[in-house]
Amino acid sequence: MKNSFRTLSNIHVAGKTFAYHSLKTLEKKLPQIGKLPFSLKILLENLLLLFDNAFHALLHFFRGFKSSLKRLD
């Protein structure tokens, strides 16, 4: 699993280790993420997972919700 945005973390449950992308880590770079609705955070985490190498997909995501982010400030 790639880690282009340096958000990859591990969680240990019942003796097994699972990898996930931490939005809290990404939020340190992009504080607006903390103000997103939960449903959009789920989409963002999926984008990190599925499009790790596709920086343009994330840019498109943020451009699409730019007006929402401005309203939250």
PDB file of N, CA and C in Angstrom:
ATOM      1  N   MET A   1       0.849  -1.172   0.000  1.00  0.00           N
ATOM      2  CA  MET A   1       0.000   0.000   0.000  1.00  0.00           C
ATOM      3  C   MET A   1       0.896   1.236   0.000  1.00  0.00           C
ATOM      4  N   LYS A   2       0.625   2.139  -0.926  1.00  0.00           N
ATOM      5  CA  LYS A   2       1.423   3.359  -1.017  1.00  0.00           C
ATOM      6  C   LYS A   2       0.978   4.371   0.024  1.00  0.00           C
ATOM      7  N   ASN A   3       1.843   5.348   0.244  1.00  0.00           N
ATOM      8  CA  ASN A   3       1.593   6.327   1.294  1.00  0.00           C
ATOM      9  C   ASN A   3       1.969   7.732   0.810  1.00  0.00           C
ATOM     10  N   SER A   4       1.450   8.114  -0.341  1.00  0.00           N
ATOM     11  CA  SER A   4       1.824   9.383  -0.967  1.00  0.00           C
ATOM     12  C   SER A   4       1.569  10.594  -0.083  1.00  0.00           C
ATOM     13  N   PHE A   5       0.507  10.557   0.703  1.00  0.00           N
ATOM     14  CA  PHE A   5       0.137  11.713   1.514  1.00  0.00           C
ATOM     15  C   PHE A   5       0.577  11.574   2.969  1.00  0.00           C
ATOM     16  N   ARG A   6       1.340  10.537   3.247  1.00  0.00           N
ATOM     17  CA  ARG A   6       1.878  10.275   4.596  1.00  0.00           C
ATOM     18  C   ARG A   6       0.758  10.180   5.644  1.00  0.00           C
ATOM     19  N   THR A   7      -0.313   9.492   5.273  1.00  0.00           N
ATOM     20  CA  THR A   7      -1.453   9.345   6.174  1.00  0.00           C
ATOM     21  C   THR A   7      -1.661   7.896   6.610  1.00  0.00           C
ATOM     22  N   LEU A   8      -0.859   6.988   6.095  1.00  0.00           N
ATOM     23  CA  LEU A   8      -1.054   5.571   6.383  1.00  0.00           C
ATOM     24  C   LEU A   8      -0.710   5.260   7.837  1.00  0.00           C
ATOM     25  N   SER A   9      -1.628   4.600   8.508  1.00  0.00           N
ATOM     26  CA  SER A   9      -1.452   4.209   9.917  1.00  0.00           C
ATOM     27  C   SER A   9      -1.888   2.761  10.067  1.00  0.00           C
ATOM     28  N   ASN A  10      -1.572   2.185  11.205  1.00  0.00           N
ATOM     29  CA  ASN A  10      -1.974   0.815  11.515  1.00  0.00           C
ATOM     30  C   ASN A  10      -2.794   0.789  12.788  1.00  0.00           C
ATOM     31  N   ILE A  11      -3.698  -0.175  12.836  1.00  0.00           N
ATOM     32  CA  ILE A  11      -4.468  -0.420  14.052  1.00  0.00           C
ATOM     33  C   ILE A  11      -4.379  -1.922  14.323  1.00  0.00           C
ATOM     34  N   HIS A  12      -4.244  -2.261  15.589  1.00  0.00           N
ATOM     35  CA  HIS A  12      -4.130  -3.657  15.996  1.00  0.00           C
ATOM     36  C   HIS A  12      -5.416  -4.067  16.704  1.00  0.00           C
ATOM     37  N   VAL A  13      -6.062  -5.108  16.173  1.00  0.00           N
ATOM     38  CA  VAL A  13      -7.321  -5.601  16.729  1.00  0.00           C
ATOM     39  C   VAL A  13      -7.273  -7.124  16.780  1.00  0.00           C
ATOM     40  N   ALA A  14      -7.476  -7.665  17.954  1.00  0.00           N
ATOM     41  CA  ALA A  14      -7.543  -9.122  18.141  1.00  0.00           C
ATOM     42  C   ALA A  14      -6.348  -9.835  17.522  1.00  0.00           C
ATOM     43  N   GLY A  15      -5.172  -9.277  17.730  1.00  0.00           N
ATOM     44  CA  GLY A  15      -3.953  -9.912  17.239  1.00  0.00           C
ATOM     45  C   GLY A  15      -3.675  -9.711  15.759  1.00  0.00           C
ATOM     46  N   LYS A  16      -4.492  -8.939  15.084  1.00  0.00           N
ATOM     47  CA  LYS A  16      -4.290  -8.667  13.661  1.00  0.00           C
ATOM     48  C   LYS A  16      -3.988  -7.188  13.472  1.00  0.00           C
ATOM     49  N   THR A  17      -3.250  -6.874  12.418  1.00  0.00           N
ATOM     50  CA  THR A  17      -2.902  -5.496  12.097  1.00  0.00           C
ATOM     51  C   THR A  17      -3.608  -5.094  10.810  1.00  0.00           C
ATOM     52  N   PHE A  18      -4.265  -3.937  10.860  1.00  0.00           N
ATOM     53  CA  PHE A  18      -4.976  -3.403   9.704  1.00  0.00           C
ATOM     54  C   PHE A  18      -4.410  -2.027   9.374  1.00  0.00           C
ATOM     55  N   ALA A  19      -4.271  -1.748   8.084  1.00  0.00           N
ATOM     56  CA  ALA A  19      -3.781  -0.444   7.633  1.00  0.00           C
ATOM     57  C   ALA A  19      -4.969   0.428   7.244  1.00  0.00           C
ATOM     58  N   TYR A  20      -4.851   1.718   7.527  1.00  0.00           N
ATOM     59  CA  TYR A  20      -5.881   2.683   7.132  1.00  0.00           C
ATOM     60  C   TYR A  20      -5.223   4.037   6.935  1.00  0.00           C
ATOM     61  N   HIS A  21      -5.915   4.931   6.268  1.00  0.00           N
ATOM     62  CA  HIS A  21      -5.425   6.292   6.076  1.00  0.00           C
ATOM     63  C   HIS A  21      -6.050   7.184   7.141  1.00  0.00           C
ATOM     64  N   SER A  22      -5.220   7.856   7.911  1.00  0.00           N
ATOM     65  CA  SER A  22      -5.677   8.693   9.013  1.00  0.00           C
ATOM     66  C   SER A  22      -6.025  10.099   8.519  1.00  0.00           C
ATOM     67  N   LEU A  23      -7.296  10.444   8.647  1.00  0.00           N
ATOM     68  CA  LEU A  23      -7.702  11.799   8.284  1.00  0.00           C
ATOM     69  C   LEU A  23      -7.187  12.822   9.299  1.00  0.00           C
ATOM     70  N   LYS A  24      -6.960  12.386  10.526  1.00  0.00           N
ATOM     71  CA  LYS A  24      -6.395  13.295  11.540  1.00  0.00           C
ATOM     72  C   LYS A  24      -5.000  13.750  11.113  1.00  0.00           C
ATOM     73  N   THR A  25      -4.235  12.843  10.527  1.00  0.00           N
ATOM     74  CA  THR A  25      -2.899  13.193  10.036  1.00  0.00           C
ATOM     75  C   THR A  25      -3.012  14.178   8.875  1.00  0.00           C
ATOM     76  N   LEU A  26      -3.932  13.916   7.952  1.00  0.00           N
ATOM     77  CA  LEU A  26      -4.124  14.813   6.819  1.00  0.00           C
ATOM     78  C   LEU A  26      -4.653  16.168   7.277  1.00  0.00           C
ATOM     79  N   GLU A  27      -5.450  16.163   8.330  1.00  0.00           N
ATOM     80  CA  GLU A  27      -6.026  17.403   8.860  1.00  0.00           C
ATOM     81  C   GLU A  27      -4.945  18.359   9.370  1.00  0.00           C
ATOM     82  N   LYS A  28      -3.804  17.835   9.772  1.00  0.00           N
ATOM     83  CA  LYS A  28      -2.698  18.701  10.208  1.00  0.00           C
ATOM     84  C   LYS A  28      -2.195  19.546   9.046  1.00  0.00           C
ATOM     85  N   LYS A  29      -2.292  19.016   7.829  1.00  0.00           N
ATOM     86  CA  LYS A  29      -1.861  19.748   6.639  1.00  0.00           C
ATOM     87  C   LYS A  29      -3.000  20.592   6.062  1.00  0.00           C
ATOM     88  N   LEU A  30      -4.225  20.078   6.190  1.00  0.00           N
ATOM     89  CA  LEU A  30      -5.410  20.747   5.645  1.00  0.00           C
ATOM     90  C   LEU A  30      -6.477  20.851   6.735  1.00  0.00           C
ATOM     91  N   PRO A  31      -6.399  21.864   7.590  1.00  0.00           N
ATOM     92  CA  PRO A  31      -7.304  21.966   8.737  1.00  0.00           C
ATOM     93  C   PRO A  31      -8.793  21.997   8.379  1.00  0.00           C
ATOM     94  N   GLN A  32      -9.131  22.381   7.152  1.00  0.00           N
ATOM     95  CA  GLN A  32     -10.541  22.447   6.752  1.00  0.00           C
ATOM     96  C   GLN A  32     -11.206  21.075   6.798  1.00  0.00           C
ATOM     97  N   ILE A  33     -10.425  20.019   6.713  1.00  0.00           N
ATOM     98  CA  ILE A  33     -10.977  18.662   6.713  1.00  0.00           C
ATOM     99  C   ILE A  33     -11.770  18.408   7.986  1.00  0.00           C
ATOM    100  N   GLY A  34     -11.334  18.954   9.091  1.00  0.00           N
ATOM    101  CA  GLY A  34     -12.034  18.764  10.353  1.00  0.00           C
ATOM    102  C   GLY A  34     -13.437  19.329  10.360  1.00  0.00           C
ATOM    103  N   LYS A  35     -13.724  20.239   9.441  1.00  0.00           N
ATOM    104  CA  LYS A  35     -15.046  20.863   9.386  1.00  0.00           C
ATOM    105  C   LYS A  35     -15.990  20.188   8.391  1.00  0.00           C
ATOM    106  N   LEU A  36     -15.484  19.199   7.664  1.00  0.00           N
ATOM    107  CA  LEU A  36     -16.322  18.505   6.691  1.00  0.00           C
ATOM    108  C   LEU A  36     -17.348  17.625   7.390  1.00  0.00           C
ATOM    109  N   PRO A  37     -18.507  17.453   6.783  1.00  0.00           N
ATOM    110  CA  PRO A  37     -19.477  16.490   7.318  1.00  0.00           C
ATOM    111  C   PRO A  37     -18.890  15.074   7.279  1.00  0.00           C
ATOM    112  N   PHE A  38     -19.371  14.228   8.171  1.00  0.00           N
ATOM    113  CA  PHE A  38     -18.850  12.869   8.284  1.00  0.00           C
ATOM    114  C   PHE A  38     -18.917  12.120   6.955  1.00  0.00           C
ATOM    115  N   SER A  39     -19.998  12.306   6.215  1.00  0.00           N
ATOM    116  CA  SER A  39     -20.161  11.598   4.941  1.00  0.00           C
ATOM    117  C   SER A  39     -19.054  11.956   3.951  1.00  0.00           C
ATOM    118  N   LEU A  40     -18.636  13.222   3.923  1.00  0.00           N
ATOM    119  CA  LEU A  40     -17.551  13.628   3.027  1.00  0.00           C
ATOM    120  C   LEU A  40     -16.208  13.118   3.513  1.00  0.00           C
ATOM    121  N   LYS A  41     -16.046  12.969   4.816  1.00  0.00           N
ATOM    122  CA  LYS A  41     -14.806  12.402   5.343  1.00  0.00           C
ATOM    123  C   LYS A  41     -14.652  10.949   4.907  1.00  0.00           C
ATOM    124  N   ILE A  42     -15.763  10.231   4.864  1.00  0.00           N
ATOM    125  CA  ILE A  42     -15.727   8.846   4.390  1.00  0.00           C
ATOM    126  C   ILE A  42     -15.288   8.806   2.928  1.00  0.00           C
ATOM    127  N   LEU A  43     -15.861   9.695   2.116  1.00  0.00           N
ATOM    128  CA  LEU A  43     -15.459   9.765   0.711  1.00  0.00           C
ATOM    129  C   LEU A  43     -13.991  10.119   0.567  1.00  0.00           C
ATOM    130  N   LEU A  44     -13.522  11.048   1.367  1.00  0.00           N
ATOM    131  CA  LEU A  44     -12.123  11.451   1.310  1.00  0.00           C
ATOM    132  C   LEU A  44     -11.206  10.291   1.693  1.00  0.00           C
ATOM    133  N   GLU A  45     -11.551   9.567   2.742  1.00  0.00           N
ATOM    134  CA  GLU A  45     -10.724   8.428   3.136  1.00  0.00           C
ATOM    135  C   GLU A  45     -10.680   7.391   2.019  1.00  0.00           C
ATOM    136  N   ASN A  46     -11.807   7.167   1.355  1.00  0.00           N
ATOM    137  CA  ASN A  46     -11.829   6.242   0.225  1.00  0.00           C
ATOM    138  C   ASN A  46     -10.973   6.743  -0.923  1.00  0.00           C
ATOM    139  N   LEU A  47     -10.987   8.048  -1.165  1.00  0.00           N
ATOM    140  CA  LEU A  47     -10.110   8.598  -2.197  1.00  0.00           C
ATOM    141  C   LEU A  47      -8.644   8.356  -1.864  1.00  0.00           C
ATOM    142  N   LEU A  48      -8.282   8.542  -0.610  1.00  0.00           N
ATOM    143  CA  LEU A  48      -6.899   8.285  -0.207  1.00  0.00           C
ATOM    144  C   LEU A  48      -6.524   6.826  -0.442  1.00  0.00           C
ATOM    145  N   LEU A  49      -7.440   5.957  -0.141  1.00  0.00           N
ATOM    146  CA  LEU A  49      -7.189   4.525  -0.292  1.00  0.00           C
ATOM    147  C   LEU A  49      -7.136   4.114  -1.759  1.00  0.00           C
ATOM    148  N   LEU A  50      -8.123   4.528  -2.532  1.00  0.00           N
ATOM    149  CA  LEU A  50      -8.248   4.061  -3.914  1.00  0.00           C
ATOM    150  C   LEU A  50      -7.416   4.845  -4.921  1.00  0.00           C
ATOM    151  N   PHE A  51      -7.187   6.099  -4.658  1.00  0.00           N
ATOM    152  CA  PHE A  51      -6.484   6.954  -5.609  1.00  0.00           C
ATOM    153  C   PHE A  51      -5.222   7.549  -5.012  1.00  0.00           C
ATOM    154  N   ASP A  52      -4.472   6.718  -4.297  1.00  0.00           N
ATOM    155  CA  ASP A  52      -3.287   7.208  -3.603  1.00  0.00           C
ATOM    156  C   ASP A  52      -2.336   7.941  -4.540  1.00  0.00           C
ATOM    157  N   ASN A  53      -2.195   7.471  -5.746  1.00  0.00           N
ATOM    158  CA  ASN A  53      -1.279   8.103  -6.696  1.00  0.00           C
ATOM    159  C   ASN A  53      -1.938   9.190  -7.522  1.00  0.00           C
ATOM    160  N   ALA A  54      -3.236   9.356  -7.381  1.00  0.00           N
ATOM    161  CA  ALA A  54      -3.972  10.285  -8.229  1.00  0.00           C
ATOM    162  C   ALA A  54      -4.187  11.612  -7.508  1.00  0.00           C
ATOM    163  N   PHE A  55      -3.159  12.394  -7.408  1.00  0.00           N
ATOM    164  CA  PHE A  55      -3.242  13.690  -6.739  1.00  0.00           C
ATOM    165  C   PHE A  55      -4.325  14.550  -7.361  1.00  0.00           C
ATOM    166  N   HIS A  56      -4.502  14.420  -8.664  1.00  0.00           N
ATOM    167  CA  HIS A  56      -5.507  15.227  -9.341  1.00  0.00           C
ATOM    168  C   HIS A  56      -6.918  14.860  -8.899  1.00  0.00           C
ATOM    169  N   ALA A  57      -7.127  13.623  -8.489  1.00  0.00           N
ATOM    170  CA  ALA A  57      -8.454  13.247  -7.988  1.00  0.00           C
ATOM    171  C   ALA A  57      -8.764  13.998  -6.698  1.00  0.00           C
ATOM    172  N   LEU A  58      -7.770  14.145  -5.838  1.00  0.00           N
ATOM    173  CA  LEU A  58      -7.981  14.901  -4.601  1.00  0.00           C
ATOM    174  C   LEU A  58      -8.204  16.385  -4.896  1.00  0.00           C
ATOM    175  N   LEU A  59      -7.442  16.912  -5.837  1.00  0.00           N
ATOM    176  CA  LEU A  59      -7.653  18.319  -6.207  1.00  0.00           C
ATOM    177  C   LEU A  59      -9.064  18.527  -6.726  1.00  0.00           C
ATOM    178  N   HIS A  60      -9.522  17.631  -7.548  1.00  0.00           N
ATOM    179  CA  HIS A  60     -10.878  17.717  -8.082  1.00  0.00           C
ATOM    180  C   HIS A  60     -11.904  17.640  -6.955  1.00  0.00           C
ATOM    181  N   PHE A  61     -11.660  16.740  -5.997  1.00  0.00           N
ATOM    182  CA  PHE A  61     -12.552  16.610  -4.842  1.00  0.00           C
ATOM    183  C   PHE A  61     -12.660  17.935  -4.095  1.00  0.00           C
ATOM    184  N   PHE A  62     -11.511  18.548  -3.791  1.00  0.00           N
ATOM    185  CA  PHE A  62     -11.526  19.792  -3.019  1.00  0.00           C
ATOM    186  C   PHE A  62     -12.092  20.952  -3.825  1.00  0.00           C
ATOM    187  N   ARG A  63     -11.848  20.980  -5.116  1.00  0.00           N
ATOM    188  CA  ARG A  63     -12.440  22.046  -5.933  1.00  0.00           C
ATOM    189  C   ARG A  63     -13.957  21.917  -5.951  1.00  0.00           C
ATOM    190  N   GLY A  64     -14.432  20.693  -5.993  1.00  0.00           N
ATOM    191  CA  GLY A  64     -15.872  20.464  -6.021  1.00  0.00           C
ATOM    192  C   GLY A  64     -16.566  20.898  -4.752  1.00  0.00           C
ATOM    193  N   PHE A  65     -15.851  20.845  -3.640  1.00  0.00           N
ATOM    194  CA  PHE A  65     -16.441  21.216  -2.359  1.00  0.00           C
ATOM    195  C   PHE A  65     -15.892  22.539  -1.824  1.00  0.00           C
ATOM    196  N   LYS A  66     -15.251  23.286  -2.691  1.00  0.00           N
ATOM    197  CA  LYS A  66     -14.650  24.553  -2.274  1.00  0.00           C
ATOM    198  C   LYS A  66     -15.676  25.495  -1.650  1.00  0.00           C
ATOM    199  N   SER A  67     -16.820  25.581  -2.250  1.00  0.00           N
ATOM    200  CA  SER A  67     -17.840  26.479  -1.710  1.00  0.00           C
ATOM    201  C   SER A  67     -18.318  25.994  -0.338  1.00  0.00           C
ATOM    202  N   SER A  68     -18.396  24.678  -0.154  1.00  0.00           N
ATOM    203  CA  SER A  68     -18.791  24.141   1.157  1.00  0.00           C
ATOM    204  C   SER A  68     -17.764  24.483   2.218  1.00  0.00           C
ATOM    205  N   LEU A  69     -16.505  24.364   1.872  1.00  0.00           N
ATOM    206  CA  LEU A  69     -15.446  24.661   2.830  1.00  0.00           C
ATOM    207  C   LEU A  69     -15.467  26.145   3.220  1.00  0.00           C
ATOM    208  N   LYS A  70     -15.727  27.010   2.253  1.00  0.00           N
ATOM    209  CA  LYS A  70     -15.779  28.438   2.552  1.00  0.00           C
ATOM    210  C   LYS A  70     -16.924  28.756   3.509  1.00  0.00           C
ATOM    211  N   ARG A  71     -18.052  28.086   3.325  1.00  0.00           N
ATOM    212  CA  ARG A  71     -19.192  28.331   4.205  1.00  0.00           C
ATOM    213  C   ARG A  71     -18.909  27.866   5.640  1.00  0.00           C
ATOM    214  N   LEU A  72     -18.024  26.881   5.786  1.00  0.00           N
ATOM    215  CA  LEU A  72     -17.724  26.352   7.117  1.00  0.00           C
ATOM    216  C   LEU A  72     -16.741  27.231   7.890  1.00  0.00           C
ATOM    217  N   ASP A  73     -16.016  28.086   7.201  1.00  0.00           N
ATOM    218  CA  ASP A  73     -15.020  28.944   7.885  1.00  0.00           C
ATOM    219  C   ASP A  73     -15.656  30.006   8.729  1.00  0.00           C
TER     220      ASP A  73
END
